[in-house]
């Protein structure tokens, strides 16, 4: 599943593969038609069970597939009970969930020839278990429902204690690997303290000090990238960012200090698009993927001050593409291939900074990379507006 502009979208091939299995599973279910008004309790119950699935995955209720008729299609095009994302979100918002935390849901539509099907997407979350504090029709309050294999917990019962325990462990990160737990902890930067022996270079997680992150300057690196020329001070310092669990290094990232030390971030990734030759990129760009290691650490080190750090951060991000998922990035690359011939549409009102001559560098190539980064920013907006 991927995210675009705040909405969640499913890979069509993934749904097609699930349908071809001709069986339900631990995180997907089939319905011939949408839930009628008198089956709102069934809708809520199914969503809660899917949100508490034990597979730790996004879950799907696929509507328009008749499991009792060899999983054949049953178009929802004229279904009077159809809901869109906003209607489903409103339905969930009206229910009283523990802690006010509700499953994140959305509706996606696919066409298979003349057949339309809808998919209710229940987004994977670490805030399990989801349960009601006030009864809704036959859906009980304080009952914890889940899904085991292809079966939901009955409405008048609670899940087995072992399954409930798993859902709580998921919330507290106890089912995660050390790296996964590290990434969860990094999302809350205020709970990280500086090591007394190295105030700026090493931090540890307050409640699990065996998790540490440190920065080490790499004197061997002195390279320049196009995005550096958007800073007041274009000269970077390069670092290694090392993530540790006890004495074991989990990950080492490349980092850099921008604008004379005013802003620090992991280096973005690099990708490109080939327009003419299969093994040669004609257009390159720097990017982050949300929820990737690089992006989480990028956010960890950024503390908006409304002044120098914020300015340096904003100038940096003007040159970097941020994708919701890798799936979105790959789709955007295909969009670039189809539309690059019209790049002039996006070239207006682009400001170029001063490019100081750097010995040993092709400054025309760097200027072109910078210009392309600005064009691609505009193209990404247009790409997302298609949905």
Protein backbone atom coordinates (compact mmCIF):
# COMPACT_ATOMS: atom_id res chain seq x y z
CA UNK A 1 0.00 0.00 0.00
CA UNK A 2 1.16 3.55 -0.66
CA UNK A 3 0.12 7.02 0.37
CA UNK A 4 -0.45 10.02 -1.85
CA UNK A 5 -1.51 13.43 -0.63
CA UNK A 6 -2.70 12.07 2.69
CA UNK A 7 -4.86 9.29 1.21
CA UNK A 8 -4.02 5.61 1.10
CA UNK A 9 -3.90 3.66 -2.13
CA UNK A 10 -3.50 -0.04 -2.79
CA UNK A 11 -1.37 -1.81 -5.36
CA UNK A 12 -3.89 -3.21 -7.84
CA UNK A 13 -1.73 -6.26 -8.53
CA UNK A 14 -1.72 -7.12 -4.83
CA UNK A 15 -5.52 -7.13 -4.75
CA UNK A 16 -5.67 -9.15 -7.96
CA UNK A 17 -3.33 -11.75 -6.45
CA UNK A 18 -5.51 -12.03 -3.33
CA UNK A 19 -8.62 -12.56 -5.44
CA UNK A 20 -6.88 -15.28 -7.47
CA UNK A 21 -6.14 -17.17 -4.25
CA UNK A 22 -9.90 -17.82 -3.97
CA UNK A 23 -9.77 -17.88 -0.20
CA UNK A 24 -9.93 -15.41 2.65
CA UNK A 25 -6.98 -14.86 4.95
CA UNK A 26 -5.67 -13.25 8.09
CA UNK A 27 -5.72 -9.70 6.68
CA UNK A 28 -8.17 -9.79 3.79
CA UNK A 29 -11.88 -10.56 3.45
CA UNK A 30 -14.36 -10.61 0.57
CA UNK A 31 -17.87 -9.19 0.41
CA UNK A 32 -20.29 -9.53 -2.51
CA UNK A 33 -21.81 -6.12 -1.81
CA UNK A 34 -21.56 -3.15 0.51
CA UNK A 35 -22.92 -3.31 4.05
CA UNK A 36 -26.57 -2.25 4.20
CA UNK A 37 -27.91 0.18 6.79
CA UNK A 38 -29.02 -2.64 9.08
CA UNK A 39 -25.52 -4.15 8.97
CA UNK A 40 -23.54 -1.19 10.28
CA UNK A 41 -22.54 -3.27 13.30
CA UNK A 42 -21.07 -5.88 10.96
CA UNK A 43 -19.08 -3.16 9.19
CA UNK A 44 -17.69 -1.81 12.45
CA UNK A 45 -16.93 -5.28 13.78
CA UNK A 46 -15.11 -6.30 10.60
CA UNK A 47 -13.01 -3.12 10.62
CA UNK A 48 -12.01 -3.59 14.26
CA UNK A 49 -11.07 -7.23 13.66
CA UNK A 50 -8.97 -6.24 10.66
CA UNK A 51 -7.33 -3.35 12.53
CA UNK A 52 -6.32 -5.86 15.23
CA UNK A 53 -5.07 -8.48 12.76
CA UNK A 54 -2.14 -10.57 13.97
CA UNK A 55 -0.22 -10.44 10.69
CA UNK A 56 1.00 -6.90 11.34
CA UNK A 57 -0.14 -5.78 7.88
CA UNK A 58 -2.49 -3.36 6.20
CA UNK A 59 -5.83 -5.16 5.93
CA UNK A 60 -8.37 -5.20 3.12
CA UNK A 61 -12.12 -5.75 2.92
CA UNK A 62 -12.60 -6.35 -0.81
CA UNK A 63 -16.15 -5.54 -1.86
CA UNK A 64 -17.49 -6.85 -5.16
CA UNK A 65 -16.21 -10.42 -4.99
CA UNK A 66 -18.71 -13.21 -4.32
CA UNK A 67 -17.00 -15.94 -2.32
CA UNK A 68 -20.10 -18.13 -2.55
CA UNK A 69 -19.96 -18.07 -6.34
CA UNK A 70 -16.36 -19.18 -6.91
CA UNK A 71 -15.05 -15.70 -6.02
CA UNK A 72 -16.55 -14.19 -9.15
CA UNK A 73 -16.90 -10.43 -9.55
CA UNK A 74 -20.09 -8.64 -8.55
CA UNK A 75 -19.80 -5.00 -9.60
CA UNK A 76 -20.51 -2.38 -6.95
CA UNK A 77 -21.09 0.33 -9.56
CA UNK A 78 -24.78 0.75 -8.70
CA UNK A 79 -24.63 -0.37 -5.08
CA UNK A 80 -26.85 2.06 -3.10
CA UNK A 81 -24.85 1.49 0.09
CA UNK A 82 -21.43 2.48 -1.29
CA UNK A 83 -19.27 4.71 0.89
CA UNK A 84 -16.29 6.86 0.03
CA UNK A 85 -13.35 7.51 2.33
CA UNK A 86 -14.87 10.58 3.99
CA UNK A 87 -18.15 8.81 4.71
CA UNK A 88 -16.32 5.86 6.24
CA UNK A 89 -14.09 8.13 8.33
CA UNK A 90 -17.18 9.96 9.59
CA UNK A 91 -18.78 6.62 10.48
CA UNK A 92 -15.73 5.64 12.53
CA UNK A 93 -15.43 9.06 14.17
CA UNK A 94 -18.89 8.70 15.67
CA UNK A 95 -17.85 5.61 17.63
CA UNK A 96 -16.28 5.74 21.09
CA UNK A 97 -12.89 4.03 20.96
CA UNK A 98 -10.57 3.59 23.92
CA UNK A 99 -8.27 6.59 24.21
CA UNK A 100 -10.03 8.24 21.28
CA UNK A 101 -7.72 6.30 18.94
CA UNK A 102 -9.51 4.84 15.91
CA UNK A 103 -8.40 2.63 13.04
CA UNK A 104 -7.26 4.58 9.99
CA UNK A 105 -9.48 3.62 7.07
CA UNK A 106 -9.88 4.61 3.44
CA UNK A 107 -11.75 3.39 0.37
CA UNK A 108 -10.07 2.63 -2.95
CA UNK A 109 -11.81 1.75 -6.21
CA UNK A 110 -10.53 -0.50 -8.99
CA UNK A 111 -11.89 -1.38 -12.41
CA UNK A 112 -11.47 -4.82 -13.90
CA UNK A 113 -12.86 -4.33 -17.37
CA UNK A 114 -16.43 -3.12 -16.87
CA UNK A 115 -16.50 -4.41 -13.29
CA UNK A 116 -15.97 -2.00 -10.37
CA UNK A 117 -14.86 -3.20 -6.96
CA UNK A 118 -14.15 -1.24 -3.77
CA UNK A 119 -11.51 -1.95 -1.16
CA UNK A 120 -11.81 -0.78 2.43
CA UNK A 121 -8.21 -0.32 3.53
CA UNK A 122 -7.50 -0.64 7.24
CA UNK A 123 -4.05 0.86 7.73
CA UNK A 124 -1.55 -1.02 9.88
CA UNK A 125 -0.94 0.70 13.21
CA UNK A 126 1.06 0.24 16.39
CA UNK A 127 -1.78 1.58 18.55
CA UNK A 128 -3.42 -1.82 19.01
CA UNK A 129 -5.62 -3.14 20.43
CA UNK A 130 -8.53 -1.07 19.14
CA UNK A 131 -11.73 -1.52 21.13
CA UNK A 132 -14.91 0.36 22.00
CA UNK A 133 -15.66 1.97 25.34
CA UNK A 134 -19.35 2.28 24.47
CA UNK A 135 -21.45 -0.43 22.88
CA UNK A 136 -22.65 0.04 19.29
CA UNK A 137 -25.60 -2.21 18.57
CA UNK A 138 -24.25 -5.79 18.81
CA UNK A 139 -20.59 -4.69 18.98
CA UNK A 140 -19.70 -4.88 22.65
CA UNK A 141 -17.78 -2.33 24.71
CA UNK A 142 -14.39 -3.38 26.12
CA UNK A 143 -14.36 -6.57 24.02
CA UNK A 144 -11.12 -6.96 22.09
CA UNK A 145 -11.72 -8.46 18.67
CA UNK A 146 -9.11 -9.81 16.29
CA UNK A 147 -8.80 -12.00 13.21
CA UNK A 148 -7.17 -15.44 13.26
CA UNK A 149 -6.61 -17.03 9.86
CA UNK A 150 -9.90 -16.23 8.07
CA UNK A 151 -12.11 -15.95 11.16
CA UNK A 152 -13.14 -12.93 13.21
CA UNK A 153 -13.69 -13.00 16.95
CA UNK A 154 -17.48 -13.34 17.52
CA UNK A 155 -19.17 -10.12 18.61
CA UNK A 156 -20.24 -11.55 21.97
CA UNK A 157 -16.74 -12.74 22.87
CA UNK A 158 -13.23 -11.39 23.37
CA UNK A 159 -10.09 -12.66 21.68
CA UNK A 160 -7.93 -15.28 23.37
CA UNK A 161 -5.64 -13.83 26.01
CA UNK A 162 -2.54 -14.85 24.03
CA UNK A 163 -3.75 -12.83 21.05
CA UNK A 164 -4.63 -9.84 23.22
CA UNK A 165 -1.16 -10.03 24.72
CA UNK A 166 0.36 -9.91 21.22
CA UNK A 167 -1.62 -6.79 20.38
CA UNK A 168 -0.39 -5.00 23.53
CA UNK A 169 3.17 -6.12 22.81
CA UNK A 170 2.80 -4.63 19.34
CA UNK A 171 1.77 -1.30 20.87
CA UNK A 172 4.83 -1.24 23.13
CA UNK A 173 7.21 -2.36 20.39
CA UNK A 174 7.99 -5.66 22.10
CA UNK A 175 7.43 -7.70 18.94
CA UNK A 176 9.88 -5.62 16.96
CA UNK A 177 13.51 -6.23 16.07
CA UNK A 178 16.14 -3.96 17.67
CA UNK A 179 16.24 -1.85 14.50
CA UNK A 180 12.46 -1.52 14.36
CA UNK A 181 12.39 -0.49 18.02
CA UNK A 182 15.19 1.99 17.39
CA UNK A 183 13.13 3.61 14.64
CA UNK A 184 10.09 3.80 16.92
CA UNK A 185 12.18 5.49 19.61
CA UNK A 186 13.75 7.93 17.14
CA UNK A 187 10.30 9.28 16.28
CA UNK A 188 10.22 10.89 19.73
CA UNK A 189 13.41 12.95 19.78
CA UNK A 190 12.63 14.71 23.08
CA UNK A 191 13.20 11.42 24.91
CA UNK A 192 16.83 11.23 23.76
CA UNK A 193 19.55 12.60 26.02
CA UNK A 194 23.14 13.51 25.29
CA UNK A 195 25.85 11.27 26.66
CA UNK A 196 27.86 13.23 29.28
CA UNK A 197 31.15 12.21 27.70
CA UNK A 198 30.23 13.52 24.25
CA UNK A 199 27.54 16.20 24.47
CA UNK A 200 26.93 16.72 20.76
CA UNK A 201 28.13 13.50 19.20
CA UNK A 202 26.23 10.75 21.04
CA UNK A 203 22.67 10.42 22.34
CA UNK A 204 20.85 7.60 24.10
CA UNK A 205 17.17 6.75 24.52
CA UNK A 206 16.18 7.73 28.04
CA UNK A 207 14.14 4.63 28.86
CA UNK A 208 16.36 2.11 27.05
CA UNK A 209 19.90 3.55 27.12
CA UNK A 210 21.25 0.55 25.23
CA UNK A 211 19.90 2.32 22.12
CA UNK A 212 22.32 5.04 21.02
CA UNK A 213 22.96 7.23 18.01
CA UNK A 214 26.26 8.96 17.34
CA UNK A 215 27.82 11.17 14.70
CA UNK A 216 31.45 10.90 13.66
CA UNK A 217 33.05 13.39 11.29
CA UNK A 218 34.48 11.81 8.14
CA UNK A 219 37.50 13.86 7.13
CA UNK A 220 37.95 11.78 3.97
CA UNK A 221 34.82 13.20 2.32
CA UNK A 222 34.66 16.64 0.76
CA UNK A 223 32.18 16.26 -2.10
CA UNK A 224 29.60 18.74 -3.37
CA UNK A 225 25.99 18.16 -4.39
CA UNK A 226 23.66 20.51 -6.26
CA UNK A 227 21.48 21.18 -3.20
CA UNK A 228 24.43 22.69 -1.31
CA UNK A 229 24.36 25.74 -3.59
CA UNK A 230 20.99 26.78 -2.18
CA UNK A 231 22.63 27.42 1.21
CA UNK A 232 24.23 30.67 2.37
CA UNK A 233 27.39 28.70 3.17
CA UNK A 234 27.79 26.04 0.47
CA UNK A 235 30.67 24.15 2.10
CA UNK A 236 29.54 20.95 3.88
CA UNK A 237 31.05 18.74 6.52
CA UNK A 238 30.44 15.03 6.08
CA UNK A 239 29.70 12.58 8.88
CA UNK A 240 28.86 8.98 9.64
CA UNK A 241 25.64 8.53 11.61
CA UNK A 242 25.83 5.26 13.53
CA UNK A 243 22.87 3.58 15.24
CA UNK A 244 23.73 1.09 18.00
CA UNK A 245 21.97 -1.51 20.11
CA UNK A 246 24.36 -2.16 23.00
CA UNK A 247 27.70 -2.46 21.17
CA UNK A 248 26.19 -3.75 17.93
CA UNK A 249 25.99 -1.27 15.07
CA UNK A 250 22.56 -1.62 13.44
CA UNK A 251 22.94 0.94 10.67
CA UNK A 252 25.48 3.47 9.46
CA UNK A 253 24.22 6.41 7.40
CA UNK A 254 26.00 9.21 5.62
CA UNK A 255 25.24 12.60 7.17
CA UNK A 256 26.19 16.18 6.46
CA UNK A 257 26.29 19.51 8.22
CA UNK A 258 24.85 22.33 6.12
CA UNK A 259 25.23 26.09 6.09
CA UNK A 260 28.22 26.25 8.40
CA UNK A 261 26.75 23.82 10.94
CA UNK A 262 23.32 25.44 11.24
CA UNK A 263 21.53 22.30 10.05
CA UNK A 264 22.37 18.58 10.18
CA UNK A 265 20.72 15.75 8.25
CA UNK A 266 21.33 12.31 6.75
CA UNK A 267 22.16 12.42 3.06
CA UNK A 268 19.17 11.83 0.80
CA UNK A 269 19.10 8.86 -1.54
CA UNK A 270 19.76 9.14 -5.27
CA UNK A 271 17.66 7.84 -8.16
CA UNK A 272 17.12 8.73 -11.77
CA UNK A 273 15.19 8.25 -14.98
CA UNK A 274 16.49 6.92 -18.29
CA UNK A 275 14.91 8.55 -21.31
CA UNK A 276 17.22 7.27 -24.04
CA UNK A 277 19.54 4.56 -22.69
CA UNK A 278 18.56 1.73 -20.39
CA UNK A 279 21.71 1.84 -18.27
CA UNK A 280 22.15 5.62 -18.16
CA UNK A 281 20.19 8.16 -16.13
CA UNK A 282 19.29 11.26 -18.13
CA UNK A 283 17.66 12.85 -15.08
CA UNK A 284 18.85 12.34 -11.52
CA UNK A 285 17.26 13.46 -8.28
CA UNK A 286 17.75 13.27 -4.52
CA UNK A 287 14.91 12.00 -2.39
CA UNK A 288 13.61 10.65 0.91
CA UNK A 289 10.93 8.02 1.48
CA UNK A 290 8.70 8.73 4.46
CA UNK A 291 9.19 6.24 7.29
CA UNK A 292 12.52 5.12 5.83
CA UNK A 293 15.54 5.08 8.12
CA UNK A 294 16.97 8.16 6.44
CA UNK A 295 13.74 10.13 6.76
CA UNK A 296 13.16 9.20 10.40
CA UNK A 297 16.71 10.24 11.30
CA UNK A 298 16.28 13.38 9.18
CA UNK A 299 13.27 14.36 11.31
CA UNK A 300 15.06 13.32 14.51
CA UNK A 301 17.81 15.88 13.99
CA UNK A 302 15.57 18.75 12.91
CA UNK A 303 14.43 21.07 15.70
CA UNK A 304 12.62 24.07 14.16
CA UNK A 305 13.89 27.26 15.73
CA UNK A 306 12.21 29.71 13.37
CA UNK A 307 15.65 31.12 12.59
CA UNK A 308 18.90 29.88 11.05
CA UNK A 309 18.24 26.14 11.34
CA UNK A 310 14.74 26.48 9.90
CA UNK A 311 15.99 28.57 6.99
CA UNK A 312 18.75 26.06 6.18
CA UNK A 313 16.29 23.16 6.48
CA UNK A 314 13.74 24.80 4.20
CA UNK A 315 16.36 25.65 1.57
CA UNK A 316 17.56 22.04 1.66
CA UNK A 317 14.05 20.59 1.32
CA UNK A 318 13.33 22.84 -1.67
CA UNK A 319 15.80 20.65 -3.56
CA UNK A 320 14.77 17.21 -2.26
CA UNK A 321 11.79 15.12 -3.34
CA UNK A 322 9.87 13.43 -0.53
CA UNK A 323 7.80 10.38 -1.45
CA UNK A 324 5.22 8.68 0.70
CA UNK A 325 6.38 5.23 -0.41
CA UNK A 326 8.77 3.58 -2.82
CA UNK A 327 5.71 2.57 -4.84
CA UNK A 328 4.83 6.23 -5.32
CA UNK A 329 8.40 7.01 -6.38
CA UNK A 330 8.36 4.32 -9.07
CA UNK A 331 5.02 5.56 -10.40
CA UNK A 332 6.35 9.11 -10.45
CA UNK A 333 9.37 7.98 -12.49
CA UNK A 334 6.99 6.58 -15.11
CA UNK A 335 5.12 9.89 -15.03
CA UNK A 336 8.41 11.73 -15.66
CA UNK A 337 9.14 9.54 -18.69
CA UNK A 338 5.75 10.36 -20.20
CA UNK A 339 5.82 14.08 -19.45
CA UNK A 340 9.45 15.24 -19.55
CA UNK A 341 8.92 16.48 -23.11
CA UNK A 342 6.63 19.09 -21.55
CA UNK A 343 9.11 20.18 -18.88
CA UNK A 344 9.07 23.76 -20.17
CA UNK A 345 5.60 24.13 -18.63
CA UNK A 346 7.20 23.73 -15.20
CA UNK A 347 10.28 25.87 -15.88
CA UNK A 348 8.72 29.28 -15.35
CA UNK A 349 9.48 31.30 -12.22
CA UNK A 350 12.35 29.09 -11.10
CA UNK A 351 15.01 31.01 -9.20
CA UNK A 352 18.60 29.83 -9.46
CA UNK A 353 21.11 30.60 -6.70
CA UNK A 354 24.66 31.74 -7.31
CA UNK A 355 26.90 28.80 -8.23
CA UNK A 356 30.41 29.33 -6.92
CA UNK A 357 33.01 27.69 -9.12
CA UNK A 358 34.38 24.53 -7.47
CA UNK A 359 37.62 23.16 -8.86
CA UNK A 360 37.22 19.74 -10.42
CA UNK A 361 33.43 19.99 -10.85
CA UNK A 362 31.34 20.45 -13.98
CA UNK A 363 29.33 23.46 -12.84
CA UNK A 364 27.00 23.32 -15.85
CA UNK A 365 26.01 19.77 -14.86
CA UNK A 366 25.41 20.86 -11.26
CA UNK A 367 23.26 23.79 -12.44
CA UNK A 368 21.26 21.39 -14.62
CA UNK A 369 20.72 19.03 -11.66
CA UNK A 370 19.51 21.94 -9.56
CA UNK A 371 17.16 23.17 -12.29
CA UNK A 372 15.79 19.66 -12.77
CA UNK A 373 15.15 19.33 -9.04
CA UNK A 374 12.92 22.41 -9.17
CA UNK A 375 11.07 21.15 -12.23
CA UNK A 376 10.54 17.77 -10.58
CA UNK A 377 9.11 19.42 -7.46
CA UNK A 378 6.43 21.02 -9.62
CA UNK A 379 5.85 17.82 -11.56
CA UNK A 380 5.36 15.90 -8.32
CA UNK A 381 2.57 18.28 -7.33
CA UNK A 382 0.91 17.78 -10.72
CA UNK A 383 1.36 14.00 -10.44
CA UNK A 384 -0.39 13.92 -7.07
CA UNK A 385 -3.23 16.10 -8.32
CA UNK A 386 -4.12 13.45 -10.88
CA UNK A 387 -5.63 11.30 -8.10
